[in-house]
Amino acid sequence: MLTDSMPSAFRVYYADGNRGDESTWEILDYETHILDTIKSNQAVPPEPIFEHLYSAKETYGLESFRPAALYNLTLRMIRDYPLYEKFER
């Protein structure tokens, strides 16, 4: 039986990959997926069921994951508490 005392999650990172000389290898986005303990425990036989929680680029309104964009995100979080709460979840 799975418990919900410590939620399990994983992230999928999308990067600008192997495209020859034009590859930047920069992170383009990431998605967070969480374990749904209720559905997992109800499954027969019990099995882990993960659900998509969010896309970072979409949720935080990011154009990129470059340092300047992430710095601007932190400044926005200082002024926008609901945005910070999204990050904290």
C-alpha atoms as a PDB file:
ATOM      1  CA  MET A   1       0.000   0.000   0.000  1.00  0.00           C
ATOM      2  CA  LEU A   2       1.221   3.467  -0.881  1.00  0.00           C
ATOM      3  CA  THR A   3       0.941   6.271   1.648  1.00  0.00           C
ATOM      4  CA  ASP A   4       0.591   9.983   1.058  1.00  0.00           C
ATOM      5  CA  SER A   5       2.881  11.095   3.887  1.00  0.00           C
ATOM      6  CA  MET A   6       5.701  11.801   1.415  1.00  0.00           C
ATOM      7  CA  PRO A   7       4.481  12.446  -2.139  1.00  0.00           C
ATOM      8  CA  SER A   8       6.577  10.918  -4.889  1.00  0.00           C
ATOM      9  CA  ALA A   9       7.270  12.889  -8.019  1.00  0.00           C
ATOM     10  CA  PHE A  10       9.563  13.013 -11.009  1.00  0.00           C
ATOM     11  CA  ARG A  11      10.506  15.561 -13.637  1.00  0.00           C
ATOM     12  CA  VAL A  12      11.044  15.235 -17.355  1.00  0.00           C
ATOM     13  CA  TYR A  13      13.524  17.751 -18.744  1.00  0.00           C
ATOM     14  CA  TYR A  14      13.458  18.827 -22.385  1.00  0.00           C
ATOM     15  CA  ALA A  15      16.776  19.990 -23.803  1.00  0.00           C
ATOM     16  CA  ASP A  16      17.953  21.308 -27.141  1.00  0.00           C
ATOM     17  CA  GLY A  17      19.788  18.140 -28.040  1.00  0.00           C
ATOM     18  CA  ASN A  18      22.024  16.672 -30.641  1.00  0.00           C
ATOM     19  CA  ARG A  19      21.512  18.815 -33.774  1.00  0.00           C
ATOM     20  CA  GLY A  20      25.129  19.137 -34.841  1.00  0.00           C
ATOM     21  CA  ASP A  21      26.829  22.534 -34.670  1.00  0.00           C
ATOM     22  CA  GLU A  22      23.546  24.278 -33.825  1.00  0.00           C
ATOM     23  CA  SER A  23      22.974  22.327 -30.589  1.00  0.00           C
ATOM     24  CA  THR A  24      22.834  24.516 -27.510  1.00  0.00           C
ATOM     25  CA  TRP A  25      22.025  21.775 -24.965  1.00  0.00           C
ATOM     26  CA  GLU A  26      19.957  24.365 -23.087  1.00  0.00           C
ATOM     27  CA  ILE A  27      16.985  23.290 -20.996  1.00  0.00           C
ATOM     28  CA  LEU A  28      13.838  24.191 -22.952  1.00  0.00           C
ATOM     29  CA  ASP A  29      11.226  23.164 -20.378  1.00  0.00           C
ATOM     30  CA  TYR A  30      10.489  20.641 -17.678  1.00  0.00           C
ATOM     31  CA  GLU A  31       7.341  18.870 -16.570  1.00  0.00           C
ATOM     32  CA  THR A  32       6.579  17.670 -13.066  1.00  0.00           C
ATOM     33  CA  HIS A  33       4.551  14.499 -12.516  1.00  0.00           C
ATOM     34  CA  ILE A  34       3.241  13.353  -9.118  1.00  0.00           C
ATOM     35  CA  LEU A  35       2.110  10.032  -7.742  1.00  0.00           C
ATOM     36  CA  ASP A  36      -1.650   9.800  -7.193  1.00  0.00           C
ATOM     37  CA  THR A  37      -1.738   7.588  -4.109  1.00  0.00           C
ATOM     38  CA  ILE A  38      -5.525   7.253  -4.089  1.00  0.00           C
ATOM     39  CA  LYS A  39      -5.762   6.008  -7.687  1.00  0.00           C
ATOM     40  CA  SER A  40      -2.651   3.870  -7.217  1.00  0.00           C
ATOM     41  CA  ASN A  41      -4.129   2.125  -4.186  1.00  0.00           C
ATOM     42  CA  GLN A  42      -7.482   1.611  -5.937  1.00  0.00           C
ATOM     43  CA  ALA A  43      -5.879   0.002  -8.998  1.00  0.00           C
ATOM     44  CA  VAL A  44      -6.181  -3.766  -9.261  1.00  0.00           C
ATOM     45  CA  PRO A  45      -3.513  -4.919  -8.874  1.00  0.00           C
ATOM     46  CA  PRO A  46      -2.104  -1.840  -7.082  1.00  0.00           C
ATOM     47  CA  GLU A  47       0.333   0.033  -9.293  1.00  0.00           C
ATOM     48  CA  PRO A  48       1.883   3.503  -9.279  1.00  0.00           C
ATOM     49  CA  ILE A  49      -0.188   6.024 -11.243  1.00  0.00           C
ATOM     50  CA  PHE A  50       1.473   9.345 -11.975  1.00  0.00           C
ATOM     51  CA  GLU A  51      -0.310  12.473 -13.162  1.00  0.00           C
ATOM     52  CA  HIS A  52       1.048  15.512 -14.962  1.00  0.00           C
ATOM     53  CA  LEU A  53       1.204  18.408 -12.502  1.00  0.00           C
ATOM     54  CA  TYR A  54       2.631  21.259 -14.563  1.00  0.00           C
ATOM     55  CA  SER A  55       4.991  22.511 -17.250  1.00  0.00           C
ATOM     56  CA  ALA A  56       7.457  25.018 -15.781  1.00  0.00           C
ATOM     57  CA  LYS A  57       7.609  27.169 -18.910  1.00  0.00           C
ATOM     58  CA  GLU A  58       3.826  27.501 -19.059  1.00  0.00           C
ATOM     59  CA  THR A  59       3.190  27.817 -15.315  1.00  0.00           C
ATOM     60  CA  TYR A  60       5.839  30.476 -14.711  1.00  0.00           C
ATOM     61  CA  GLY A  61       5.498  32.273 -18.053  1.00  0.00           C
ATOM     62  CA  LEU A  62       9.129  31.704 -18.978  1.00  0.00           C
ATOM     63  CA  GLU A  63      10.555  32.315 -22.433  1.00  0.00           C
ATOM     64  CA  SER A  64      13.744  30.429 -21.560  1.00  0.00           C
ATOM     65  CA  PHE A  65      15.689  28.938 -18.675  1.00  0.00           C
ATOM     66  CA  ARG A  66      18.677  31.191 -19.119  1.00  0.00           C
ATOM     67  CA  PRO A  67      20.064  32.856 -15.967  1.00  0.00           C
ATOM     68  CA  ALA A  68      18.508  36.267 -16.728  1.00  0.00           C
ATOM     69  CA  ALA A  69      15.049  34.712 -17.201  1.00  0.00           C
ATOM     70  CA  LEU A  70      15.331  32.757 -13.938  1.00  0.00           C
ATOM     71  CA  TYR A  71      16.544  35.855 -12.113  1.00  0.00           C
ATOM     72  CA  ASN A  72      13.528  37.788 -13.413  1.00  0.00           C
ATOM     73  CA  LEU A  73      11.300  34.942 -12.242  1.00  0.00           C
ATOM     74  CA  THR A  74      12.670  35.260  -8.707  1.00  0.00           C
ATOM     75  CA  LEU A  75      11.980  39.010  -8.779  1.00  0.00           C
ATOM     76  CA  ARG A  76       8.413  38.333  -9.935  1.00  0.00           C
ATOM     77  CA  MET A  77       7.959  35.827  -7.095  1.00  0.00           C
ATOM     78  CA  ILE A  78       8.973  38.472  -4.552  1.00  0.00           C
ATOM     79  CA  ARG A  79       6.121  40.697  -5.749  1.00  0.00           C
ATOM     80  CA  ASP A  80       3.617  37.963  -6.642  1.00  0.00           C
ATOM     81  CA  TYR A  81       2.968  35.610  -3.713  1.00  0.00           C
ATOM     82  CA  PRO A  82       0.512  33.347  -5.619  1.00  0.00           C
ATOM     83  CA  LEU A  83       3.277  32.760  -8.197  1.00  0.00           C
ATOM     84  CA  TYR A  84       5.659  31.852  -5.387  1.00  0.00           C
ATOM     85  CA  GLU A  85       3.058  29.439  -3.982  1.00  0.00           C
ATOM     86  CA  LYS A  86       2.915  27.675  -7.366  1.00  0.00           C
ATOM     87  CA  PHE A  87       6.688  27.261  -7.191  1.00  0.00           C
ATOM     88  CA  GLU A  88       6.590  25.999  -3.617  1.00  0.00           C
ATOM     89  CA  ARG A  89       4.088  23.175  -4.248  1.00  0.00           C
END
